[in-house]
Protein backbone atom coordinates (compact mmCIF):
# COMPACT_ATOMS: atom_id res chain seq x y z
CA UNK A 1 -83.30 17.09 -18.06
CA UNK A 2 -79.95 15.62 -17.66
CA UNK A 3 -78.36 18.71 -19.43
CA UNK A 4 -80.40 21.12 -17.22
CA UNK A 5 -79.09 19.32 -14.04
CA UNK A 6 -75.55 19.46 -15.40
CA UNK A 7 -75.74 23.17 -16.08
CA UNK A 8 -77.47 23.85 -12.69
CA UNK A 9 -74.86 22.04 -10.76
CA UNK A 10 -72.07 23.80 -12.69
CA UNK A 11 -73.71 27.14 -11.90
CA UNK A 12 -74.08 26.32 -8.14
CA UNK A 13 -70.36 25.22 -8.11
CA UNK A 14 -69.31 28.45 -9.68
CA UNK A 15 -71.14 30.48 -7.17
CA UNK A 16 -69.90 28.42 -4.23
CA UNK A 17 -66.24 28.75 -5.42
CA UNK A 18 -66.60 32.45 -6.15
CA UNK A 19 -68.26 32.93 -2.77
CA UNK A 20 -65.59 31.09 -0.95
CA UNK A 21 -62.82 33.08 -2.53
CA UNK A 22 -64.67 36.24 -1.63
CA UNK A 23 -64.90 35.25 2.04
CA UNK A 24 -61.22 34.20 2.06
CA UNK A 25 -60.11 37.42 0.62
CA UNK A 26 -62.24 39.41 3.10
CA UNK A 27 -60.72 37.37 5.87
CA UNK A 28 -57.17 38.22 4.46
CA UNK A 29 -58.09 41.84 4.63
CA UNK A 30 -59.02 41.45 8.31
CA UNK A 31 -55.81 39.53 9.03
CA UNK A 32 -53.72 42.04 7.16
CA UNK A 33 -55.33 44.77 9.20
CA UNK A 34 -54.52 42.99 12.44
CA UNK A 35 -50.92 42.52 11.48
CA UNK A 36 -50.57 46.04 10.13
CA UNK A 37 -51.85 47.60 13.37
CA UNK A 38 -50.07 45.32 15.84
CA UNK A 39 -46.69 44.60 14.16
CA UNK A 40 -43.94 46.66 12.55
CA UNK A 41 -45.34 49.81 14.24
CA UNK A 42 -41.90 51.26 14.73
CA UNK A 43 -40.77 50.55 11.15
CA UNK A 44 -43.84 51.44 9.03
CA UNK A 45 -45.59 54.82 8.89
CA UNK A 46 -48.50 55.35 11.39
CA UNK A 47 -51.67 53.42 10.15
CA UNK A 48 -54.70 55.64 10.94
CA UNK A 49 -57.17 54.12 8.46
CA UNK A 50 -59.64 51.87 10.28
CA UNK A 51 -62.22 51.63 7.47
CA UNK A 52 -61.55 48.25 5.79
CA UNK A 53 -64.58 48.66 3.56
CA UNK A 54 -62.84 51.24 1.42
CA UNK A 55 -60.53 48.40 0.30
CA UNK A 56 -63.33 46.00 -0.85
CA UNK A 57 -63.02 47.17 -4.42
CA UNK A 58 -59.54 45.44 -4.43
CA UNK A 59 -61.36 42.09 -3.78
CA UNK A 60 -63.63 42.75 -6.69
CA UNK A 61 -60.61 43.36 -9.02
CA UNK A 62 -59.00 40.09 -7.84
CA UNK A 63 -62.25 38.04 -8.46
CA UNK A 64 -62.42 39.60 -11.98
CA UNK A 65 -58.79 38.57 -12.55
CA UNK A 66 -59.50 34.98 -11.28
CA UNK A 67 -62.42 34.84 -13.87
CA UNK A 68 -60.10 36.12 -16.50
CA UNK A 69 -57.64 33.21 -15.65
CA UNK A 70 -60.75 30.79 -16.02
CA UNK A 71 -60.19 29.49 -12.52
CA UNK A 72 -63.98 28.92 -12.07
CA UNK A 73 -64.67 27.52 -15.59
CA UNK A 74 -61.94 25.09 -16.44
CA UNK A 75 -60.78 22.40 -13.97
CA UNK A 76 -57.06 22.04 -13.49
CA UNK A 77 -54.99 20.19 -10.92
CA UNK A 78 -54.00 21.77 -7.66
CA UNK A 79 -50.65 23.17 -9.08
CA UNK A 80 -52.34 24.35 -12.33
CA UNK A 81 -54.95 26.21 -10.14
CA UNK A 82 -52.23 27.70 -7.98
CA UNK A 83 -50.36 28.90 -10.90
CA UNK A 84 -53.43 30.80 -12.16
CA UNK A 85 -54.18 32.14 -8.65
CA UNK A 86 -50.63 33.46 -8.53
CA UNK A 87 -51.02 35.17 -11.94
CA UNK A 88 -54.41 36.52 -10.98
CA UNK A 89 -53.02 38.16 -7.72
CA UNK A 90 -49.89 39.33 -9.42
CA UNK A 91 -51.90 41.25 -12.13
CA UNK A 92 -54.35 42.38 -9.62
CA UNK A 93 -51.66 44.14 -7.43
CA UNK A 94 -50.33 45.81 -10.63
CA UNK A 95 -53.92 46.95 -11.45
CA UNK A 96 -54.54 48.17 -7.96
CA UNK A 97 -51.28 50.28 -7.75
CA UNK A 98 -51.98 51.62 -11.30
CA UNK A 99 -55.48 52.78 -10.31
CA UNK A 100 -54.15 54.39 -7.12
CA UNK A 101 -51.43 56.33 -9.09
CA UNK A 102 -53.67 57.43 -12.06
CA UNK A 103 -56.46 58.57 -9.72
CA UNK A 104 -54.08 60.41 -7.47
CA UNK A 105 -55.66 58.89 -4.35
CA UNK A 106 -52.66 56.82 -3.32
CA UNK A 107 -52.16 59.04 -0.22
CA UNK A 108 -55.55 57.90 1.04
CA UNK A 109 -54.62 54.21 1.07
CA UNK A 110 -51.90 52.36 2.93
CA UNK A 111 -49.54 50.67 0.45
CA UNK A 112 -47.98 48.61 3.24
CA UNK A 113 -51.44 47.25 4.27
CA UNK A 114 -52.25 46.36 0.55
CA UNK A 115 -48.96 44.59 0.31
CA UNK A 116 -49.43 42.59 3.42
CA UNK A 117 -52.90 41.61 2.24
CA UNK A 118 -51.62 40.29 -1.10
CA UNK A 119 -48.84 38.35 0.71
CA UNK A 120 -51.49 36.65 2.94
CA UNK A 121 -53.77 35.95 -0.07
CA UNK A 122 -51.00 34.12 -1.85
CA UNK A 123 -51.07 31.45 0.83
CA UNK A 124 -54.69 31.62 1.92
CA UNK A 125 -56.42 31.25 -1.51
CA UNK A 126 -54.76 28.09 -2.79
CA UNK A 127 -54.99 26.52 0.81
CA UNK A 128 -58.65 27.37 1.14
CA UNK A 129 -59.35 26.13 -2.41
CA UNK A 130 -57.77 22.75 -1.64
CA UNK A 131 -59.94 22.27 1.55
CA UNK A 132 -63.14 23.49 -0.08
CA UNK A 133 -62.82 21.45 -3.17
CA UNK A 134 -62.06 18.38 -1.10
CA UNK A 135 -65.35 18.85 0.63
CA UNK A 136 -67.38 19.71 -2.44
CA UNK A 137 -66.15 16.83 -4.62
CA UNK A 138 -67.32 14.37 -2.02
CA UNK A 139 -70.80 14.98 -3.53
CA UNK A 140 -71.32 13.46 -7.06
CA UNK A 141 -73.49 16.37 -8.08
CA UNK A 142 -70.43 18.53 -8.56
CA UNK A 143 -68.25 15.96 -10.28
CA UNK A 144 -67.90 15.76 -14.02
CA UNK A 145 -68.47 12.37 -15.56
CA UNK A 146 -65.59 11.59 -17.94
CA UNK A 147 -65.19 8.94 -20.63
CA UNK A 148 -61.68 8.10 -21.82
CA UNK A 149 -60.87 6.84 -25.30
CA UNK A 150 -57.33 5.38 -25.51
CA UNK A 151 -55.33 2.47 -26.70
CA UNK A 152 -52.56 0.96 -24.69
CA UNK A 153 -51.26 1.86 -21.21
CA UNK A 154 -52.24 5.49 -21.43
CA UNK A 155 -55.84 4.51 -20.72
CA UNK A 156 -54.79 2.96 -17.37
CA UNK A 157 -52.63 6.07 -16.60
CA UNK A 158 -55.50 8.48 -17.19
CA UNK A 159 -58.09 6.24 -15.44
CA UNK A 160 -55.80 6.06 -12.38
CA UNK A 161 -55.20 9.85 -12.40
CA UNK A 162 -58.99 10.50 -12.32
CA UNK A 163 -59.45 8.07 -9.57
CA UNK A 164 -56.70 9.41 -7.28
CA UNK A 165 -56.50 13.06 -8.12
CA UNK A 166 -59.62 14.27 -6.42
CA UNK A 167 -58.81 17.90 -7.10
CA UNK A 168 -60.18 17.59 -10.65
CA UNK A 169 -63.60 16.44 -9.48
CA UNK A 170 -63.74 13.92 -12.31
CA UNK A 171 -65.65 10.59 -12.26
CA UNK A 172 -65.01 7.81 -14.70
CA UNK A 173 -68.05 6.92 -16.79
CA UNK A 174 -68.21 4.84 -19.99
CA UNK A 175 -71.92 5.55 -20.88
CA UNK A 176 -73.48 8.51 -19.05
CA UNK A 177 -70.70 11.18 -19.46
CA UNK A 178 -70.39 14.89 -19.92
CA UNK A 179 -66.76 15.21 -21.03
CA UNK A 180 -64.55 13.07 -23.39
CA UNK A 181 -60.87 12.67 -23.29
CA UNK A 182 -59.23 11.17 -26.44
CA UNK A 183 -55.63 9.97 -26.32
CA UNK A 184 -54.57 10.18 -30.00
CA UNK A 185 -51.58 7.88 -29.72
CA UNK A 186 -52.12 4.55 -31.50
CA UNK A 187 -55.12 5.85 -33.43
CA UNK A 188 -54.82 6.28 -37.17
CA UNK A 189 -55.46 9.74 -38.50
CA UNK A 190 -58.72 8.92 -40.27
CA UNK A 191 -59.88 6.80 -37.28
CA UNK A 192 -59.30 9.74 -34.98
CA UNK A 193 -61.16 12.17 -37.22
CA UNK A 194 -64.15 9.83 -37.32
CA UNK A 195 -64.16 9.56 -33.48
CA UNK A 196 -64.08 13.36 -32.98
CA UNK A 197 -66.90 13.86 -35.62
CA UNK A 198 -68.96 11.17 -34.00
CA UNK A 199 -68.69 12.60 -30.38
CA UNK A 200 -68.69 16.28 -31.26
CA UNK A 201 -72.36 16.05 -32.08
CA UNK A 202 -73.35 14.84 -28.59
CA UNK A 203 -70.47 15.96 -26.36
CA UNK A 204 -69.70 19.64 -25.57
CA UNK A 205 -66.32 19.27 -24.07
CA UNK A 206 -63.75 17.03 -26.03
CA UNK A 207 -60.14 17.12 -25.02
CA UNK A 208 -57.49 15.49 -27.30
CA UNK A 209 -54.06 14.44 -25.94
CA UNK A 210 -51.52 14.88 -28.71
CA UNK A 211 -49.49 11.87 -30.13
CA UNK A 212 -46.27 13.59 -29.04
CA UNK A 213 -46.65 13.01 -25.31
CA UNK A 214 -43.03 13.83 -24.61
CA UNK A 215 -43.83 17.62 -25.12
CA UNK A 216 -45.70 20.00 -22.81
CA UNK A 217 -47.87 21.91 -25.38
CA UNK A 218 -48.89 24.35 -22.58
CA UNK A 219 -45.55 26.15 -23.27
CA UNK A 220 -45.71 26.10 -27.07
CA UNK A 221 -47.00 28.77 -29.37
CA UNK A 222 -49.19 28.28 -32.50
CA UNK A 223 -48.17 29.83 -35.77
CA UNK A 224 -51.06 30.19 -38.19
CA UNK A 225 -50.50 29.90 -42.02
CA UNK A 226 -53.96 31.07 -42.83
CA UNK A 227 -53.57 31.20 -46.65
CA UNK A 228 -53.05 27.41 -46.72
CA UNK A 229 -55.19 26.63 -43.69
CA UNK A 230 -52.34 25.01 -41.65
CA UNK A 231 -51.00 25.61 -38.27
CA UNK A 232 -47.40 25.11 -36.90
CA UNK A 233 -46.46 24.31 -33.31
CA UNK A 234 -43.25 26.06 -32.26
CA UNK A 235 -41.28 23.75 -30.05
CA UNK A 236 -38.26 25.13 -28.13
CA UNK A 237 -35.58 23.38 -25.97
CA UNK A 238 -36.36 25.89 -23.18
CA UNK A 239 -33.19 25.24 -21.08
CA UNK A 240 -30.95 26.20 -24.05
CA UNK A 241 -32.54 29.60 -24.12
CA UNK A 242 -30.12 32.10 -22.55
CA UNK A 243 -32.92 34.11 -21.14
CA UNK A 244 -34.35 31.09 -19.29
CA UNK A 245 -30.87 30.00 -18.07
CA UNK A 246 -30.48 33.49 -16.54
CA UNK A 247 -33.97 33.32 -14.90
CA UNK A 248 -33.32 29.78 -13.61
CA UNK A 249 -29.82 30.97 -12.28
CA UNK A 250 -31.36 33.92 -10.33
CA UNK A 251 -34.28 31.82 -9.01
CA UNK A 252 -32.10 29.15 -7.63
CA UNK A 253 -29.33 31.47 -6.20
CA UNK A 254 -32.10 33.29 -4.47
CA UNK A 255 -33.47 30.08 -2.83
CA UNK A 256 -29.97 28.87 -2.01
CA UNK A 257 -29.13 32.11 -0.15
CA UNK A 258 -32.39 32.19 1.80
CA UNK A 259 -32.10 28.45 2.96
CA UNK A 260 -28.31 28.31 3.46
CA UNK A 261 -28.34 29.21 7.19
CA UNK A 262 -30.87 26.28 7.80
CA UNK A 263 -28.81 23.89 5.72
CA UNK A 264 -25.71 24.87 7.84
CA UNK A 265 -27.49 24.02 11.04
CA UNK A 266 -28.94 20.79 9.63
CA UNK A 267 -25.40 19.81 8.43
CA UNK A 268 -23.95 20.08 11.93
CA UNK A 269 -26.83 17.88 13.36
CA UNK A 270 -26.69 15.23 10.66
CA UNK A 271 -22.90 15.08 10.91
CA UNK A 272 -23.16 14.28 14.65
CA UNK A 273 -25.75 11.54 13.94
CA UNK A 274 -23.54 9.88 11.34
CA UNK A 275 -20.49 9.97 13.70
CA UNK A 276 -22.52 8.36 16.57
CA UNK A 277 -24.14 5.74 14.35
CA UNK A 278 -21.00 4.25 12.55
CA UNK A 279 -17.35 4.62 12.03
CA UNK A 280 -15.94 6.55 9.02
CA UNK A 281 -16.07 10.02 7.53
CA UNK A 282 -19.18 12.17 7.37
CA UNK A 283 -18.91 12.99 3.63
CA UNK A 284 -18.77 10.52 0.81
CA UNK A 285 -17.68 11.71 -2.71
CA UNK A 286 -18.19 9.95 -5.94
CA UNK A 287 -17.35 10.78 -9.61
CA UNK A 288 -20.54 11.64 -11.51
CA UNK A 289 -21.46 12.96 -14.94
CA UNK A 290 -21.91 16.77 -15.15
CA UNK A 291 -22.76 19.19 -17.84
CA UNK A 292 -21.22 18.29 -21.27
CA UNK A 293 -20.43 14.75 -19.93
CA UNK A 294 -17.65 16.21 -17.81
CA UNK A 295 -16.93 14.15 -14.68
CA UNK A 296 -17.07 15.94 -11.29
CA UNK A 297 -16.82 14.93 -7.59
CA UNK A 298 -20.38 14.73 -6.24
CA UNK A 299 -20.77 15.06 -2.47
CA UNK A 300 -23.23 13.14 -0.22
CA UNK A 301 -23.39 12.04 3.36
CA UNK A 302 -22.00 8.76 4.01
CA UNK A 303 -24.88 6.35 4.25
CA UNK A 304 -22.97 3.02 4.21
CA UNK A 305 -20.61 1.05 6.54
CA UNK A 306 -17.00 1.33 5.70
CA UNK A 307 -16.77 -2.48 5.05
CA UNK A 308 -19.84 -2.33 2.96
CA UNK A 309 -18.49 -4.42 0.08
CA UNK A 310 -17.80 -7.43 2.30
CA UNK A 311 -21.30 -7.15 3.82
CA UNK A 312 -22.81 -6.99 0.37
CA UNK A 313 -20.99 -10.13 -0.92
CA UNK A 314 -22.27 -12.13 2.07
CA UNK A 315 -25.83 -10.88 1.49
CA UNK A 316 -25.89 -11.52 -2.25
CA UNK A 317 -24.77 -15.13 -1.68
CA UNK A 318 -27.90 -15.67 0.46
CA UNK A 319 -30.24 -13.38 -1.73
CA UNK A 320 -29.37 -13.95 -5.46
CA UNK A 321 -32.62 -12.32 -6.53
CA UNK A 322 -31.29 -8.94 -5.57
CA UNK A 323 -28.85 -9.16 -8.55
CA UNK A 324 -31.84 -8.94 -11.01
CA UNK A 325 -33.43 -6.11 -8.99
CA UNK A 326 -30.12 -4.11 -9.33
CA UNK A 327 -30.07 -4.64 -13.08
CA UNK A 328 -33.53 -3.26 -13.37
CA UNK A 329 -33.55 -0.27 -10.97
CA UNK A 330 -29.83 0.21 -10.32
CA UNK A 331 -30.60 -0.25 -6.66
CA UNK A 332 -30.94 -3.12 -4.22
CA UNK A 333 -34.39 -3.63 -2.56
CA UNK A 334 -32.77 -4.24 0.81
CA UNK A 335 -29.19 -2.98 0.79
CA UNK A 336 -27.38 -4.41 3.82
CA UNK A 337 -24.53 -1.86 3.48
CA UNK A 338 -26.81 1.02 4.51
CA UNK A 339 -26.53 2.23 8.06
CA UNK A 340 -29.54 3.08 10.29
CA UNK A 341 -28.98 6.82 10.00
CA UNK A 342 -28.14 6.27 6.28
CA UNK A 343 -31.51 4.60 5.67
CA UNK A 344 -33.32 7.65 7.03
CA UNK A 345 -31.16 10.10 5.08
CA UNK A 346 -31.87 8.26 1.88
CA UNK A 347 -35.67 7.97 2.51
CA UNK A 348 -35.80 11.81 3.00
CA UNK A 349 -33.26 12.71 0.31
CA UNK A 350 -31.31 14.45 3.10
CA UNK A 351 -28.11 12.67 1.99
CA UNK A 352 -27.94 14.95 -0.96
CA UNK A 353 -27.56 18.14 1.22
CA UNK A 354 -23.72 18.29 0.85
CA UNK A 355 -24.28 18.94 -2.84
CA UNK A 356 -25.02 22.57 -1.88
CA UNK A 357 -21.17 22.72 -2.00
CA UNK A 358 -21.38 21.53 -5.58
CA UNK A 359 -23.80 24.33 -6.34
CA UNK A 360 -21.23 26.89 -4.79
CA UNK A 361 -18.61 25.31 -7.09
CA UNK A 362 -20.88 25.88 -10.12
CA UNK A 363 -20.95 22.07 -10.94
CA UNK A 364 -24.64 21.61 -10.00
CA UNK A 365 -27.96 23.35 -10.00
CA UNK A 366 -30.55 23.27 -7.13
CA UNK A 367 -33.13 21.62 -9.43
CA UNK A 368 -32.31 19.54 -12.50
CA UNK A 369 -31.73 15.90 -13.55
CA UNK A 370 -29.99 13.92 -10.88
CA UNK A 371 -26.31 13.29 -11.70
CA UNK A 372 -25.64 9.96 -13.40
CA UNK A 373 -22.81 7.66 -12.54
CA UNK A 374 -19.97 7.36 -15.01
CA UNK A 375 -20.92 3.67 -15.65
CA UNK A 376 -24.45 4.68 -16.65
CA UNK A 377 -23.40 6.82 -19.57
CA UNK A 378 -23.79 4.05 -22.26
CA UNK A 379 -27.17 3.00 -20.78
CA UNK A 380 -28.65 6.53 -21.02
CA UNK A 381 -28.24 6.23 -24.78
CA UNK A 382 -26.56 8.84 -27.20
CA UNK A 383 -29.90 10.51 -28.10
CA UNK A 384 -30.83 11.01 -24.55
CA UNK A 385 -27.35 11.91 -23.59
CA UNK A 386 -27.40 14.80 -26.02
CA UNK A 387 -30.35 16.21 -24.09
CA UNK A 388 -29.73 15.30 -20.42
CA UNK A 389 -25.96 16.13 -20.34
CA UNK A 390 -26.40 19.63 -22.00
CA UNK A 391 -27.49 20.97 -18.51
CA UNK A 392 -25.93 20.83 -15.05
CA UNK A 393 -27.46 18.15 -12.79
CA UNK A 394 -29.56 19.10 -9.73
CA UNK A 395 -29.81 18.24 -6.09
CA UNK A 396 -33.51 17.47 -6.63
CA UNK A 397 -35.49 16.93 -9.72
CA UNK A 398 -38.50 15.57 -11.34
CA UNK A 399 -37.41 11.90 -10.86
CA UNK A 400 -36.99 12.72 -7.10
CA UNK A 401 -40.45 13.86 -6.66
CA UNK A 402 -42.15 11.27 -9.05
CA UNK A 403 -41.54 7.98 -7.29
CA UNK A 404 -37.72 7.80 -7.22
CA UNK A 405 -36.87 4.13 -6.33
CA UNK A 406 -40.21 2.90 -7.57
CA UNK A 407 -39.32 3.88 -11.11
CA UNK A 408 -37.11 1.99 -13.60
CA UNK A 409 -33.90 3.40 -15.01
CA UNK A 410 -35.70 3.95 -18.32
CA UNK A 411 -38.50 5.98 -16.56
CA UNK A 412 -36.01 8.10 -14.87
CA UNK A 413 -34.23 8.85 -18.09
CA UNK A 414 -37.75 9.69 -19.77
CA UNK A 415 -38.53 12.08 -16.91
CA UNK A 416 -35.13 13.86 -17.18
CA UNK A 417 -35.49 14.50 -20.92
CA UNK A 418 -39.10 15.60 -20.42
CA UNK A 419 -38.00 18.12 -17.73
CA UNK A 420 -35.25 19.56 -19.96
CA UNK A 421 -37.40 19.83 -23.05
CA UNK A 422 -40.34 21.38 -21.18
CA UNK A 423 -38.70 23.46 -18.53
CA UNK A 424 -40.49 26.31 -16.95
CA UNK A 425 -39.83 28.43 -13.88
CA UNK A 426 -43.20 27.22 -12.49
CA UNK A 427 -42.07 23.57 -12.94
CA UNK A 428 -38.99 24.34 -10.83
CA UNK A 429 -41.13 25.92 -8.22
CA UNK A 430 -43.45 22.91 -8.12
CA UNK A 431 -40.57 20.49 -7.79
CA UNK A 432 -39.01 22.51 -5.08
CA UNK A 433 -42.33 22.42 -3.04
CA UNK A 434 -42.81 18.65 -3.73
CA UNK A 435 -39.16 18.07 -2.56
CA UNK A 436 -40.25 19.46 0.87
CA UNK A 437 -43.11 16.98 0.87
CA UNK A 438 -40.68 14.16 0.00
CA UNK A 439 -38.37 15.16 2.85
CA UNK A 440 -41.08 15.30 5.40
CA UNK A 441 -43.04 12.23 4.23
CA UNK A 442 -39.90 10.14 3.43
CA UNK A 443 -41.43 8.85 0.20
CA UNK A 444 -41.35 9.84 -3.43
CA UNK A 445 -44.06 12.32 -4.32
CA UNK A 446 -46.21 12.36 -7.53
């Protein structure tokens, strides 16, 4: 009876999600029609086709692409879901224009209208999914009960993720469960094999998190040595691949060119605030470690008082506990040297904006590991240094959107090495979007 209820709720959830996407895509068609008939009239050819129903077959193709991407069958987090939505829409538009070309009916359809529709759908589908899943997963019937088997702190990490990340629709359960997640780290091989055999007989879905948790296996490829019944995992330092370097360069330069006018206006406004708030120059520069351990002048907005060292000495004499805090996090919990405007700039990461000039110099990237201070080189460690300092630092990065000041120096180094070893263009896109959230919310994102 329990299995029947589980299958029934999964089937209902599939129909609800599919139906929601269908309605959102129809709404996108209507919105695209409104835009096509009321805007860009003087630029685009005359739009005479008022029969939207003849475009419904495009919606069917998109839904099939979504099913091919397993959007309705495997639960991902929001960004994983969005990535598959983008892929589904991308291959759908290729399929649509291919069909129109091969069937020689392209003159009967408005290519501009179809393009506007897909541009709307790119935003509407992920946004609607987030809202709809938020509502659906308030009901336990649509949640998957999950049991976690792990040793050490990774159990707490997974447990907390399932509690906080509602988008998965998971519910922790130690006894009455439908899915099992096994963290292989700290388990002996024979012990792990026994666990998998034991639970495989009574649990349909078993997920095993590999021992090497510093690698993102979603970007690896599997090589099968079938004659000897073994498989090999191909691991690549993705940011040392010249093709990836070129892709990253094109992606970042495009974004920089698009947002540069906004950055210029913001620079004028922030410069005025700094001048009004305290005496001193607007720009502060400091030597930082760049690619191949070469030092460069890193530009930031001045966020401290000019006589900051004297202010700090008086403060530490009254608050000696701050010395230990600086040793752990390389920052003071309450730094008295920071100005009022400087505090806001740091909280929102806007103090980093002058580093756009470093990008134009070729010293930094838009996204990458944050530049380390010269004095921090030894603390990074030679093994990590050989990874982190092989690429140019970035204005924003994984550390910036993963908690920032809440993380220890070691956690920052671990995040930077993980980013470089597992880089993808999608990861840069997610970091860029999360950076916007950090700037607007004034806190480190997750």
